[in-house]
Amino acid sequence: MDTVNKPEQTLAFINDKSPIIDVICNELANSGIEILFRSENIESGSSQLSVLTAFPDVCIIDLDFYDKNVLAQLRELKTQYPTIKLIAHSDIDTEKAVISLLDIGVAAYLLIGSDKDDFKKAIEGVSDNGRYFSVGVAKIAREYFANK
């Protein structure tokens, strides 16, 4: 019997320096997910994306989402690369921050404390055109999409 291997998912990280993300990135790479690149800001990430022949399926973003410049850059990134699914990773669980990211097109939102399994569920979910939200922001997301 022939078995068909599911193509591995590809991933990019755009995050400021974070030992938490370092650990998660290593765990995801060890689980078979291909990490195409890591960058510390959106400008660098956009530059790295521009030279790729194939874009990542998913990009995990962990930056200061209260910074209006970061939000503007993230909006531009989503406009330039609309097929890339965005996952936000943050300790911010305010309605304002979550809605700002949902308006941009973030497909998943993981709160700090999410483990490798949460990341894998989010990556798989958004790769299949779904969404994934940590419990702490799920109600905000449900209400947001119910009103759309």
Protein backbone atom coordinates (compact mmCIF):
# COMPACT_ATOMS: atom_id res chain seq x y z
CA MET A 1 0.00 0.00 0.00
CA ASP A 2 1.34 3.42 -0.91
CA THR A 3 1.32 6.01 1.77
CA VAL A 4 1.24 9.65 0.98
CA ASN A 5 3.21 11.86 3.28
CA LYS A 6 1.48 15.08 4.13
CA PRO A 7 3.74 17.89 2.97
CA GLU A 8 5.37 19.50 5.93
CA GLN A 9 4.14 22.90 6.88
CA THR A 10 6.42 25.85 6.46
CA LEU A 11 6.72 28.59 8.99
CA ALA A 12 8.33 31.96 9.54
CA PHE A 13 8.78 33.82 12.81
CA ILE A 14 8.83 37.57 13.22
CA ASN A 15 9.50 38.33 16.84
CA ASP A 16 11.55 40.52 19.07
CA LYS A 17 14.10 38.71 21.20
CA SER A 18 12.23 36.11 23.22
CA PRO A 19 13.59 33.01 24.94
CA ILE A 20 10.03 31.64 24.95
CA ILE A 21 9.82 31.82 21.16
CA ASP A 22 13.34 30.35 20.88
CA VAL A 23 12.15 27.24 22.73
CA ILE A 24 8.87 27.00 20.78
CA CYS A 25 10.71 27.44 17.47
CA ASN A 26 13.14 24.64 18.31
CA GLU A 27 10.33 22.33 19.44
CA LEU A 28 8.34 22.96 16.26
CA ALA A 29 11.40 22.37 14.08
CA ASN A 30 12.05 19.10 15.92
CA SER A 31 8.44 18.04 15.27
CA GLY A 32 8.85 18.28 11.49
CA ILE A 33 7.73 21.81 10.72
CA GLU A 34 10.15 23.60 8.43
CA ILE A 35 11.21 27.03 9.72
CA LEU A 36 12.04 29.13 6.65
CA PHE A 37 13.36 32.12 8.56
CA ARG A 38 13.30 34.14 11.75
CA SER A 39 13.53 37.89 11.93
CA GLU A 40 13.30 40.45 14.70
CA ASN A 41 11.00 42.95 12.99
CA ILE A 42 8.46 43.17 10.20
CA GLU A 43 10.75 45.15 7.89
CA SER A 44 13.40 42.42 8.05
CA GLY A 45 10.74 39.72 7.70
CA SER A 46 9.28 41.40 4.63
CA SER A 47 12.75 41.65 3.13
CA GLN A 48 13.34 37.92 3.73
CA LEU A 49 9.95 37.06 2.24
CA SER A 50 10.73 39.05 -0.90
CA VAL A 51 13.60 36.73 -1.86
CA LEU A 52 11.80 33.43 -1.25
CA THR A 53 10.59 31.37 -4.18
CA ALA A 54 7.89 29.79 -2.00
CA PHE A 55 6.26 31.62 0.88
CA PRO A 56 5.67 30.04 4.27
CA ASP A 57 2.22 28.68 5.00
CA VAL A 58 2.15 30.48 8.33
CA CYS A 59 3.93 33.39 9.96
CA ILE A 60 3.99 33.70 13.75
CA ILE A 61 4.24 37.30 14.90
CA ASP A 62 5.28 38.20 18.45
CA LEU A 63 5.82 41.95 18.67
CA ASP A 64 4.48 44.94 20.61
CA PHE A 65 0.91 45.05 19.36
CA TYR A 66 0.26 48.32 21.22
CA ASP A 67 2.73 50.03 18.85
CA LYS A 68 0.79 51.70 16.03
CA ASN A 69 3.83 51.42 13.75
CA VAL A 70 3.91 47.65 14.28
CA LEU A 71 0.20 47.42 13.44
CA ALA A 72 0.68 49.53 10.29
CA GLN A 73 3.63 47.37 9.20
CA LEU A 74 1.67 44.20 9.92
CA ARG A 75 -1.25 45.50 7.84
CA GLU A 76 1.18 46.21 4.98
CA LEU A 77 2.72 42.73 5.33
CA LYS A 78 -0.73 41.13 5.10
CA THR A 79 -1.52 43.26 2.04
CA GLN A 80 1.73 42.27 0.30
CA TYR A 81 1.45 38.57 1.20
CA PRO A 82 -2.28 37.80 1.55
CA THR A 83 -1.85 34.02 1.28
CA ILE A 84 0.33 33.77 4.38
CA LYS A 85 -1.70 32.91 7.47
CA LEU A 86 -0.78 35.08 10.45
CA ILE A 87 -0.69 33.85 14.04
CA ALA A 88 -0.27 36.44 16.79
CA HIS A 89 1.54 35.45 19.99
CA SER A 90 1.26 37.90 22.84
CA ASP A 91 0.60 38.51 26.50
CA ILE A 92 -1.94 41.19 25.55
CA ASP A 93 -5.52 40.02 25.94
CA THR A 94 -7.38 43.32 25.76
CA GLU A 95 -10.35 43.62 23.45
CA LYS A 96 -8.79 46.61 21.65
CA ALA A 97 -5.55 44.76 20.85
CA VAL A 98 -7.28 41.55 19.79
CA ILE A 99 -9.77 43.34 17.53
CA SER A 100 -6.99 45.42 15.95
CA LEU A 101 -5.22 42.20 14.97
CA LEU A 102 -8.40 40.50 13.78
CA ASP A 103 -9.13 43.55 11.59
CA ILE A 104 -5.71 43.08 9.97
CA GLY A 105 -6.47 39.45 9.21
CA VAL A 106 -4.77 37.47 11.94
CA ALA A 107 -6.17 33.93 11.81
CA ALA A 108 -5.04 32.75 15.24
CA TYR A 109 -4.09 34.34 18.54
CA LEU A 110 -2.01 32.50 21.11
CA LEU A 111 -1.39 33.94 24.53
CA ILE A 112 1.95 33.69 26.27
CA GLY A 113 1.99 30.35 28.06
CA SER A 114 0.81 28.44 25.00
CA ASP A 115 2.92 25.33 24.50
CA LYS A 116 4.16 23.47 21.42
CA ASP A 117 0.88 21.55 21.15
CA ASP A 118 -1.13 24.79 21.13
CA PHE A 119 1.14 26.16 18.40
CA LYS A 120 0.77 22.97 16.35
CA LYS A 121 -3.04 23.10 16.69
CA ALA A 122 -3.05 26.74 15.61
CA ILE A 123 -0.70 26.07 12.68
CA GLU A 124 -2.74 23.09 11.50
CA GLY A 125 -6.00 24.97 11.99
CA VAL A 126 -5.02 28.05 10.01
CA SER A 127 -3.31 25.93 7.34
CA ASP A 128 -6.72 24.33 6.73
CA ASN A 129 -8.34 27.79 6.52
CA GLY A 130 -9.59 27.63 10.09
CA ARG A 131 -8.94 29.78 13.12
CA TYR A 132 -7.52 29.13 16.56
CA PHE A 133 -7.68 31.26 19.70
CA SER A 134 -6.38 30.80 23.20
CA VAL A 135 -9.10 30.56 25.84
CA GLY A 136 -8.28 34.04 27.16
CA VAL A 137 -9.19 35.72 23.86
CA ALA A 138 -11.67 33.23 22.38
CA LYS A 139 -14.75 35.14 23.60
CA ILE A 140 -13.52 38.37 22.00
CA ALA A 141 -12.87 36.52 18.73
CA ARG A 142 -16.27 34.77 18.80
CA GLU A 143 -18.07 38.09 19.30
CA TYR A 144 -15.96 39.74 16.60
CA PHE A 145 -16.80 37.11 13.99
CA ALA A 146 -20.45 36.92 15.05
CA ASN A 147 -20.77 40.63 14.23
CA LYS A 148 -19.07 40.35 10.82
